[in-house]
Amino acid sequence: MSRIAQVIVLAPYADEVMEPLTRPDDARSWQGCFEPLGLFAGGWVIEFYRMRPRSGLLRHLESLAWPHPASVQVLIHDEEDDCFGLWMMREGVLTEVPLPGHKRYYGRAPATDEFPPEPGLLWRPETAETAVPGWVFPTPQDHRPVW
């Protein structure tokens, strides 16, 4: 399924950690390469055009030896989101941080595991109110890891 998403990793003093992710590696569960943003604070970006190639990205980022794990920020924007979502390390796990005025909404889970899991949509409540009736569900229906 086509679903464009941009991911930005902000991590101070993490050039050595991120450098291998700027090169192709078929052994990774996710596909693609980060590009440096050229920020003094350390920033990298990648864009995904489909959902399968991004599978396992957050778990991979969690496994890295960050010099300052509490300062790692991962910003994710799916094409239908109202804004970037924010993930930060909590007890070694990248966890989505709730943003004021926004909520993640989910559609129905697929009948089979044939398709990758849906990440939901990060919307303001007024966006959800105008969504197709019956599409939005208040809780996740698919518990497989998305990223």
N, C-alpha and C. Protein backbone atom coordinates (compact mmCIF):
# COMPACT_ATOMS: atom_id res chain seq x y z
N MET A 1 0.84 -1.17 0.00
CA MET A 1 0.00 0.00 0.00
C MET A 1 0.88 1.24 0.00
N SER A 2 0.51 2.21 -0.79
CA SER A 2 1.25 3.46 -0.86
C SER A 2 0.84 4.35 0.31
N ARG A 3 1.80 4.82 1.04
CA ARG A 3 1.54 5.76 2.12
C ARG A 3 2.86 6.43 2.44
N ILE A 4 3.04 7.64 1.95
CA ILE A 4 4.30 8.36 2.13
C ILE A 4 4.44 8.79 3.58
N ALA A 5 5.65 8.65 4.10
CA ALA A 5 5.94 9.11 5.46
C ALA A 5 7.36 9.65 5.51
N GLN A 6 7.53 10.73 6.26
CA GLN A 6 8.86 11.27 6.51
C GLN A 6 9.20 10.99 7.97
N VAL A 7 10.47 10.66 8.19
CA VAL A 7 10.97 10.41 9.54
C VAL A 7 12.21 11.27 9.74
N ILE A 8 12.22 12.01 10.82
CA ILE A 8 13.37 12.83 11.19
C ILE A 8 13.88 12.32 12.53
N VAL A 9 15.17 12.07 12.60
CA VAL A 9 15.80 11.69 13.87
C VAL A 9 16.66 12.86 14.32
N LEU A 10 16.41 13.34 15.53
CA LEU A 10 17.22 14.38 16.14
C LEU A 10 17.93 13.75 17.33
N ALA A 11 19.25 13.81 17.32
CA ALA A 11 20.03 13.16 18.38
C ALA A 11 21.39 13.86 18.48
N PRO A 12 21.64 14.54 19.60
CA PRO A 12 22.92 15.24 19.74
C PRO A 12 24.10 14.28 19.83
N TYR A 13 25.19 14.64 19.19
CA TYR A 13 26.45 13.89 19.25
C TYR A 13 26.30 12.44 18.81
N ALA A 14 25.44 12.19 17.84
CA ALA A 14 25.16 10.81 17.41
C ALA A 14 25.62 10.54 15.99
N ASP A 15 26.59 11.30 15.49
CA ASP A 15 27.06 11.09 14.12
C ASP A 15 27.56 9.67 13.89
N GLU A 16 28.32 9.13 14.83
CA GLU A 16 28.85 7.76 14.67
C GLU A 16 27.73 6.72 14.69
N VAL A 17 26.73 6.96 15.51
CA VAL A 17 25.61 6.01 15.61
C VAL A 17 24.80 6.01 14.32
N MET A 18 24.57 7.19 13.76
CA MET A 18 23.71 7.31 12.58
C MET A 18 24.44 7.04 11.26
N GLU A 19 25.75 7.15 11.24
CA GLU A 19 26.50 7.00 9.99
C GLU A 19 26.18 5.70 9.25
N PRO A 20 26.13 4.53 9.91
CA PRO A 20 25.78 3.29 9.18
C PRO A 20 24.37 3.33 8.57
N LEU A 21 23.48 4.14 9.12
CA LEU A 21 22.11 4.21 8.60
C LEU A 21 22.01 5.11 7.38
N THR A 22 23.12 5.75 7.01
CA THR A 22 23.15 6.57 5.80
C THR A 22 23.60 5.76 4.59
N ARG A 23 23.86 4.47 4.81
CA ARG A 23 24.29 3.58 3.72
C ARG A 23 23.29 2.43 3.59
N PRO A 24 23.11 1.90 2.38
CA PRO A 24 22.21 0.75 2.21
C PRO A 24 22.70 -0.47 2.99
N ASP A 25 21.77 -1.26 3.50
CA ASP A 25 22.10 -2.48 4.23
C ASP A 25 20.91 -3.44 4.11
N ASP A 26 21.08 -4.49 3.33
CA ASP A 26 20.00 -5.46 3.11
C ASP A 26 19.66 -6.27 4.36
N ALA A 27 20.51 -6.25 5.38
CA ALA A 27 20.27 -7.02 6.59
C ALA A 27 19.23 -6.34 7.50
N ARG A 28 18.95 -5.06 7.28
CA ARG A 28 17.97 -4.35 8.12
C ARG A 28 16.56 -4.77 7.74
N SER A 29 15.65 -4.72 8.72
CA SER A 29 14.25 -5.04 8.43
C SER A 29 13.59 -3.92 7.63
N TRP A 30 14.06 -2.71 7.76
CA TRP A 30 13.53 -1.57 7.01
C TRP A 30 14.50 -1.24 5.87
N GLN A 31 13.98 -0.54 4.88
CA GLN A 31 14.79 -0.25 3.69
C GLN A 31 14.96 1.26 3.52
N GLY A 32 16.12 1.63 3.01
CA GLY A 32 16.37 3.04 2.73
C GLY A 32 17.59 3.53 3.50
N CYS A 33 17.88 4.81 3.30
CA CYS A 33 19.04 5.43 3.94
C CYS A 33 18.66 6.81 4.46
N PHE A 34 19.11 7.11 5.65
CA PHE A 34 18.93 8.45 6.19
C PHE A 34 19.89 9.41 5.51
N GLU A 35 19.51 10.66 5.43
CA GLU A 35 20.38 11.71 4.93
C GLU A 35 20.58 12.73 6.03
N PRO A 36 21.82 13.20 6.23
CA PRO A 36 22.05 14.21 7.26
C PRO A 36 21.34 15.52 6.91
N LEU A 37 20.81 16.19 7.94
CA LEU A 37 20.15 17.47 7.74
C LEU A 37 21.12 18.65 7.83
N GLY A 38 22.34 18.39 8.31
CA GLY A 38 23.32 19.46 8.42
C GLY A 38 23.06 20.39 9.60
N LEU A 39 22.39 19.89 10.62
CA LEU A 39 22.14 20.69 11.82
C LEU A 39 23.29 20.54 12.79
N PHE A 40 23.61 21.58 13.53
CA PHE A 40 24.68 21.45 14.52
C PHE A 40 24.29 20.49 15.63
N ALA A 41 22.99 20.33 15.87
CA ALA A 41 22.52 19.46 16.95
C ALA A 41 22.43 18.00 16.53
N GLY A 42 22.57 17.70 15.26
CA GLY A 42 22.48 16.31 14.79
C GLY A 42 21.08 15.95 14.35
N GLY A 43 20.86 15.90 13.05
CA GLY A 43 19.55 15.55 12.52
C GLY A 43 19.68 14.79 11.21
N TRP A 44 18.79 13.82 11.01
CA TRP A 44 18.79 12.99 9.81
C TRP A 44 17.35 12.78 9.36
N VAL A 45 17.16 12.59 8.06
CA VAL A 45 15.81 12.43 7.52
C VAL A 45 15.79 11.27 6.53
N ILE A 46 14.64 10.62 6.45
CA ILE A 46 14.39 9.57 5.46
C ILE A 46 12.92 9.68 5.07
N GLU A 47 12.62 9.31 3.82
CA GLU A 47 11.24 9.31 3.36
C GLU A 47 10.91 7.91 2.85
N PHE A 48 9.74 7.43 3.25
CA PHE A 48 9.26 6.12 2.81
C PHE A 48 8.05 6.33 1.91
N TYR A 49 7.95 5.52 0.84
CA TYR A 49 6.84 5.65 -0.10
C TYR A 49 5.80 4.56 0.07
N ARG A 50 6.12 3.55 0.83
CA ARG A 50 5.18 2.46 1.10
C ARG A 50 5.34 2.07 2.57
N MET A 51 4.44 1.23 3.07
CA MET A 51 4.47 0.88 4.49
C MET A 51 5.43 -0.26 4.81
N ARG A 52 5.52 -1.28 3.98
CA ARG A 52 6.39 -2.42 4.29
C ARG A 52 7.86 -2.03 4.47
N PRO A 53 8.42 -1.14 3.63
CA PRO A 53 9.85 -0.82 3.76
C PRO A 53 10.24 -0.14 5.07
N ARG A 54 9.26 0.32 5.84
CA ARG A 54 9.59 0.98 7.10
C ARG A 54 9.42 0.08 8.32
N SER A 55 8.98 -1.13 8.09
CA SER A 55 8.73 -2.06 9.19
C SER A 55 9.99 -2.34 10.00
N GLY A 56 9.92 -2.15 11.29
CA GLY A 56 11.04 -2.43 12.18
C GLY A 56 11.96 -1.24 12.43
N LEU A 57 11.67 -0.09 11.85
CA LEU A 57 12.55 1.07 12.00
C LEU A 57 12.71 1.49 13.46
N LEU A 58 11.62 1.66 14.19
CA LEU A 58 11.73 2.11 15.58
C LEU A 58 12.48 1.10 16.44
N ARG A 59 12.22 -0.19 16.25
CA ARG A 59 12.94 -1.20 17.03
C ARG A 59 14.44 -1.12 16.74
N HIS A 60 14.79 -0.89 15.48
CA HIS A 60 16.20 -0.76 15.12
C HIS A 60 16.81 0.47 15.81
N LEU A 61 16.12 1.59 15.77
CA LEU A 61 16.63 2.80 16.41
C LEU A 61 16.78 2.61 17.92
N GLU A 62 15.86 1.89 18.53
CA GLU A 62 15.96 1.60 19.98
C GLU A 62 17.22 0.81 20.32
N SER A 63 17.64 -0.03 19.42
CA SER A 63 18.76 -0.94 19.70
C SER A 63 20.13 -0.27 19.59
N LEU A 64 20.16 0.94 19.09
CA LEU A 64 21.44 1.62 18.87
C LEU A 64 22.02 2.17 20.16
N ALA A 65 23.35 2.31 20.20
CA ALA A 65 24.05 2.80 21.39
C ALA A 65 24.14 4.33 21.33
N TRP A 66 23.05 4.99 21.68
CA TRP A 66 22.99 6.44 21.65
C TRP A 66 23.85 7.03 22.76
N PRO A 67 24.62 8.09 22.48
CA PRO A 67 25.40 8.71 23.54
C PRO A 67 24.52 9.38 24.60
N HIS A 68 23.34 9.88 24.19
CA HIS A 68 22.40 10.52 25.11
C HIS A 68 20.98 10.05 24.77
N PRO A 69 20.62 8.83 25.17
CA PRO A 69 19.33 8.27 24.75
C PRO A 69 18.12 9.13 25.14
N ALA A 70 18.17 9.79 26.28
CA ALA A 70 17.03 10.61 26.71
C ALA A 70 16.81 11.81 25.80
N SER A 71 17.81 12.16 24.99
CA SER A 71 17.69 13.31 24.09
C SER A 71 17.28 12.93 22.67
N VAL A 72 17.16 11.63 22.39
CA VAL A 72 16.78 11.19 21.05
C VAL A 72 15.30 11.51 20.82
N GLN A 73 15.04 12.16 19.68
CA GLN A 73 13.67 12.47 19.28
C GLN A 73 13.46 11.94 17.87
N VAL A 74 12.37 11.24 17.68
CA VAL A 74 12.02 10.74 16.35
C VAL A 74 10.69 11.39 15.99
N LEU A 75 10.69 12.12 14.88
CA LEU A 75 9.50 12.79 14.40
C LEU A 75 9.01 12.04 13.17
N ILE A 76 7.72 11.67 13.16
CA ILE A 76 7.16 10.90 12.05
C ILE A 76 5.91 11.61 11.55
N HIS A 77 5.86 11.79 10.24
CA HIS A 77 4.69 12.40 9.60
C HIS A 77 4.22 11.51 8.46
N ASP A 78 3.08 10.86 8.65
CA ASP A 78 2.43 10.12 7.57
C ASP A 78 1.66 11.12 6.72
N GLU A 79 1.44 10.78 5.45
CA GLU A 79 0.85 11.75 4.53
C GLU A 79 -0.52 12.27 4.96
N GLU A 80 -1.26 11.52 5.74
CA GLU A 80 -2.60 11.96 6.15
C GLU A 80 -2.61 12.63 7.53
N ASP A 81 -1.48 12.68 8.22
CA ASP A 81 -1.43 13.27 9.56
C ASP A 81 -1.57 14.79 9.51
N ASP A 82 -2.10 15.36 10.58
CA ASP A 82 -2.20 16.81 10.71
C ASP A 82 -0.86 17.44 11.10
N CYS A 83 0.01 16.66 11.73
CA CYS A 83 1.31 17.17 12.16
C CYS A 83 2.27 15.99 12.37
N PHE A 84 3.52 16.31 12.65
CA PHE A 84 4.50 15.27 12.99
C PHE A 84 4.16 14.71 14.37
N GLY A 85 4.29 13.39 14.52
CA GLY A 85 4.21 12.76 15.83
C GLY A 85 5.61 12.71 16.43
N LEU A 86 5.70 12.64 17.73
CA LEU A 86 6.97 12.65 18.44
C LEU A 86 7.13 11.36 19.24
N TRP A 87 8.27 10.68 19.05
CA TRP A 87 8.62 9.49 19.81
C TRP A 87 9.92 9.80 20.55
N MET A 88 9.98 9.41 21.82
CA MET A 88 11.19 9.58 22.62
C MET A 88 11.44 8.32 23.42
N MET A 89 12.68 8.16 23.87
CA MET A 89 13.05 6.98 24.65
C MET A 89 12.46 7.06 26.05
N ARG A 90 11.80 5.98 26.43
CA ARG A 90 11.30 5.79 27.80
C ARG A 90 11.64 4.37 28.17
N GLU A 91 12.55 4.23 29.13
CA GLU A 91 13.01 2.91 29.58
C GLU A 91 13.50 2.07 28.40
N GLY A 92 14.25 2.69 27.49
CA GLY A 92 14.84 1.98 26.37
C GLY A 92 13.93 1.70 25.20
N VAL A 93 12.70 2.23 25.24
CA VAL A 93 11.72 1.99 24.19
C VAL A 93 11.29 3.34 23.61
N LEU A 94 11.29 3.43 22.28
CA LEU A 94 10.76 4.64 21.65
C LEU A 94 9.24 4.62 21.78
N THR A 95 8.74 5.62 22.47
CA THR A 95 7.32 5.70 22.82
C THR A 95 6.74 6.99 22.28
N GLU A 96 5.56 6.91 21.70
CA GLU A 96 4.93 8.13 21.19
C GLU A 96 4.54 9.02 22.36
N VAL A 97 4.89 10.29 22.25
CA VAL A 97 4.58 11.29 23.26
C VAL A 97 3.29 11.99 22.84
N PRO A 98 2.28 12.00 23.70
CA PRO A 98 1.03 12.68 23.33
C PRO A 98 1.26 14.17 23.08
N LEU A 99 0.64 14.66 22.02
CA LEU A 99 0.75 16.08 21.68
C LEU A 99 -0.56 16.78 22.04
N PRO A 100 -0.49 17.92 22.69
CA PRO A 100 -1.72 18.65 23.05
C PRO A 100 -2.57 18.95 21.82
N GLY A 101 -3.85 18.70 21.95
CA GLY A 101 -4.78 19.01 20.88
C GLY A 101 -4.81 18.00 19.74
N HIS A 102 -4.10 16.88 19.89
CA HIS A 102 -4.05 15.85 18.85
C HIS A 102 -4.26 14.47 19.46
N LYS A 103 -4.72 13.57 18.64
CA LYS A 103 -4.96 12.20 19.09
C LYS A 103 -4.72 11.27 17.90
N ARG A 104 -4.24 10.06 18.19
CA ARG A 104 -4.06 9.08 17.12
C ARG A 104 -5.37 8.29 16.98
N TYR A 105 -5.89 8.26 15.76
CA TYR A 105 -7.14 7.56 15.44
C TYR A 105 -6.81 6.36 14.57
N TYR A 106 -7.57 5.30 14.75
CA TYR A 106 -7.33 4.05 14.03
C TYR A 106 -8.56 3.62 13.27
N GLY A 107 -8.33 2.99 12.15
CA GLY A 107 -9.41 2.34 11.39
C GLY A 107 -9.51 0.89 11.82
N ARG A 108 -10.33 0.15 11.12
CA ARG A 108 -10.48 -1.28 11.43
C ARG A 108 -9.20 -2.05 11.11
N ALA A 109 -8.95 -3.07 11.90
CA ALA A 109 -7.82 -3.96 11.62
C ALA A 109 -8.15 -4.80 10.39
N PRO A 110 -7.12 -5.13 9.60
CA PRO A 110 -7.39 -5.99 8.45
C PRO A 110 -7.79 -7.39 8.91
N ALA A 111 -8.50 -8.10 8.05
CA ALA A 111 -8.98 -9.45 8.39
C ALA A 111 -7.83 -10.44 8.49
N THR A 112 -6.73 -10.18 7.76
CA THR A 112 -5.59 -11.09 7.78
C THR A 112 -4.30 -10.29 7.97
N ASP A 113 -3.20 -10.99 8.19
CA ASP A 113 -1.90 -10.34 8.33
C ASP A 113 -1.22 -10.14 6.97
N GLU A 114 -1.98 -10.30 5.90
CA GLU A 114 -1.43 -10.15 4.55
C GLU A 114 -0.89 -8.73 4.32
N PHE A 115 -1.56 -7.75 4.92
CA PHE A 115 -1.16 -6.36 4.74
C PHE A 115 -0.43 -5.87 5.99
N PRO A 116 0.48 -4.90 5.81
CA PRO A 116 1.17 -4.36 6.99
C PRO A 116 0.19 -3.62 7.89
N PRO A 117 0.51 -3.50 9.17
CA PRO A 117 -0.39 -2.80 10.09
C PRO A 117 -0.48 -1.31 9.77
N GLU A 118 -1.62 -0.74 10.06
CA GLU A 118 -1.84 0.69 9.84
C GLU A 118 -1.33 1.48 11.06
N PRO A 119 -0.63 2.57 10.83
CA PRO A 119 -0.13 3.36 11.95
C PRO A 119 -1.17 4.28 12.58
N GLY A 120 -2.37 4.31 12.01
CA GLY A 120 -3.36 5.26 12.50
C GLY A 120 -3.06 6.64 11.93
N LEU A 121 -3.84 7.61 12.34
CA LEU A 121 -3.70 8.97 11.85
C LEU A 121 -3.63 9.93 13.03
N LEU A 122 -2.66 10.80 13.02
CA LEU A 122 -2.51 11.79 14.08
C LEU A 122 -3.29 13.04 13.66
N TRP A 123 -4.45 13.20 14.27
CA TRP A 123 -5.38 14.26 13.87
C TRP A 123 -5.80 15.11 15.06
N ARG A 124 -6.24 16.31 14.73
CA ARG A 124 -6.97 17.13 15.70
C ARG A 124 -8.39 16.56 15.74
N PRO A 125 -9.09 16.69 16.86
CA PRO A 125 -10.46 16.14 16.92
C PRO A 125 -11.37 16.68 15.82
N GLU A 126 -11.20 17.94 15.44
CA GLU A 126 -12.07 18.49 14.40
C GLU A 126 -11.81 17.83 13.04
N THR A 127 -10.61 17.34 12.79
CA THR A 127 -10.33 16.60 11.56
C THR A 127 -11.07 15.26 11.60
N ALA A 128 -11.02 14.60 12.75
CA ALA A 128 -11.69 13.30 12.89
C ALA A 128 -13.20 13.44 12.72
N GLU A 129 -13.76 14.56 13.17
CA GLU A 129 -15.20 14.76 13.04
C GLU A 129 -15.65 14.84 11.59
N THR A 130 -14.75 15.25 10.70
CA THR A 130 -15.12 15.37 9.28
C THR A 130 -14.71 14.14 8.48
N ALA A 131 -14.14 13.13 9.15
CA ALA A 131 -13.71 11.90 8.46
C ALA A 131 -14.94 11.12 7.97
N VAL A 132 -14.68 10.18 7.10
CA VAL A 132 -15.75 9.33 6.59
C VAL A 132 -16.45 8.65 7.76
N PRO A 133 -17.77 8.77 7.88
CA PRO A 133 -18.48 8.16 9.02
C PRO A 133 -18.19 6.67 9.13
N GLY A 134 -17.95 6.22 10.35
CA GLY A 134 -17.71 4.81 10.60
C GLY A 134 -16.28 4.38 10.37
N TRP A 135 -15.41 5.28 9.92
CA TRP A 135 -14.02 4.90 9.66
C TRP A 135 -13.18 4.96 10.92
N VAL A 136 -13.37 5.95 11.74
CA VAL A 136 -12.51 6.18 12.90
C VAL A 136 -12.97 5.37 14.10
N PHE A 137 -11.99 4.69 14.74
CA PHE A 137 -12.25 3.93 15.95
C PHE A 137 -11.35 4.49 17.05
N PRO A 138 -11.82 4.62 18.28
CA PRO A 138 -11.04 5.29 19.32
C PRO A 138 -9.84 4.49 19.84
N THR A 139 -9.78 3.21 19.60
CA THR A 139 -8.67 2.42 20.13
C THR A 139 -8.01 1.62 19.01
N PRO A 140 -6.74 1.27 19.19
CA PRO A 140 -6.08 0.47 18.15
C PRO A 140 -6.78 -0.87 17.96
N GLN A 141 -6.93 -1.25 16.74
CA GLN A 141 -7.55 -2.53 16.43
C GLN A 141 -6.51 -3.56 16.00
N ASP A 142 -5.33 -3.11 15.63
CA ASP A 142 -4.27 -3.98 15.13
C ASP A 142 -3.06 -3.79 16.02
N HIS A 143 -2.66 -4.82 16.74
CA HIS A 143 -1.60 -4.69 17.74
C HIS A 143 -0.22 -5.06 17.22
N ARG A 144 -0.09 -5.31 15.94
CA ARG A 144 1.24 -5.58 15.37
C ARG A 144 2.04 -4.28 15.34
N PRO A 145 3.36 -4.36 15.54
CA PRO A 145 4.18 -3.14 15.48
C PRO A 145 4.16 -2.53 14.08
N VAL A 146 3.97 -1.23 14.03
CA VAL A 146 3.85 -0.53 12.76
C VAL A 146 5.23 -0.09 12.27
N TRP A 147 5.98 0.49 13.13
CA TRP A 147 7.28 1.02 12.75
C TRP A 147 8.37 0.09 13.25
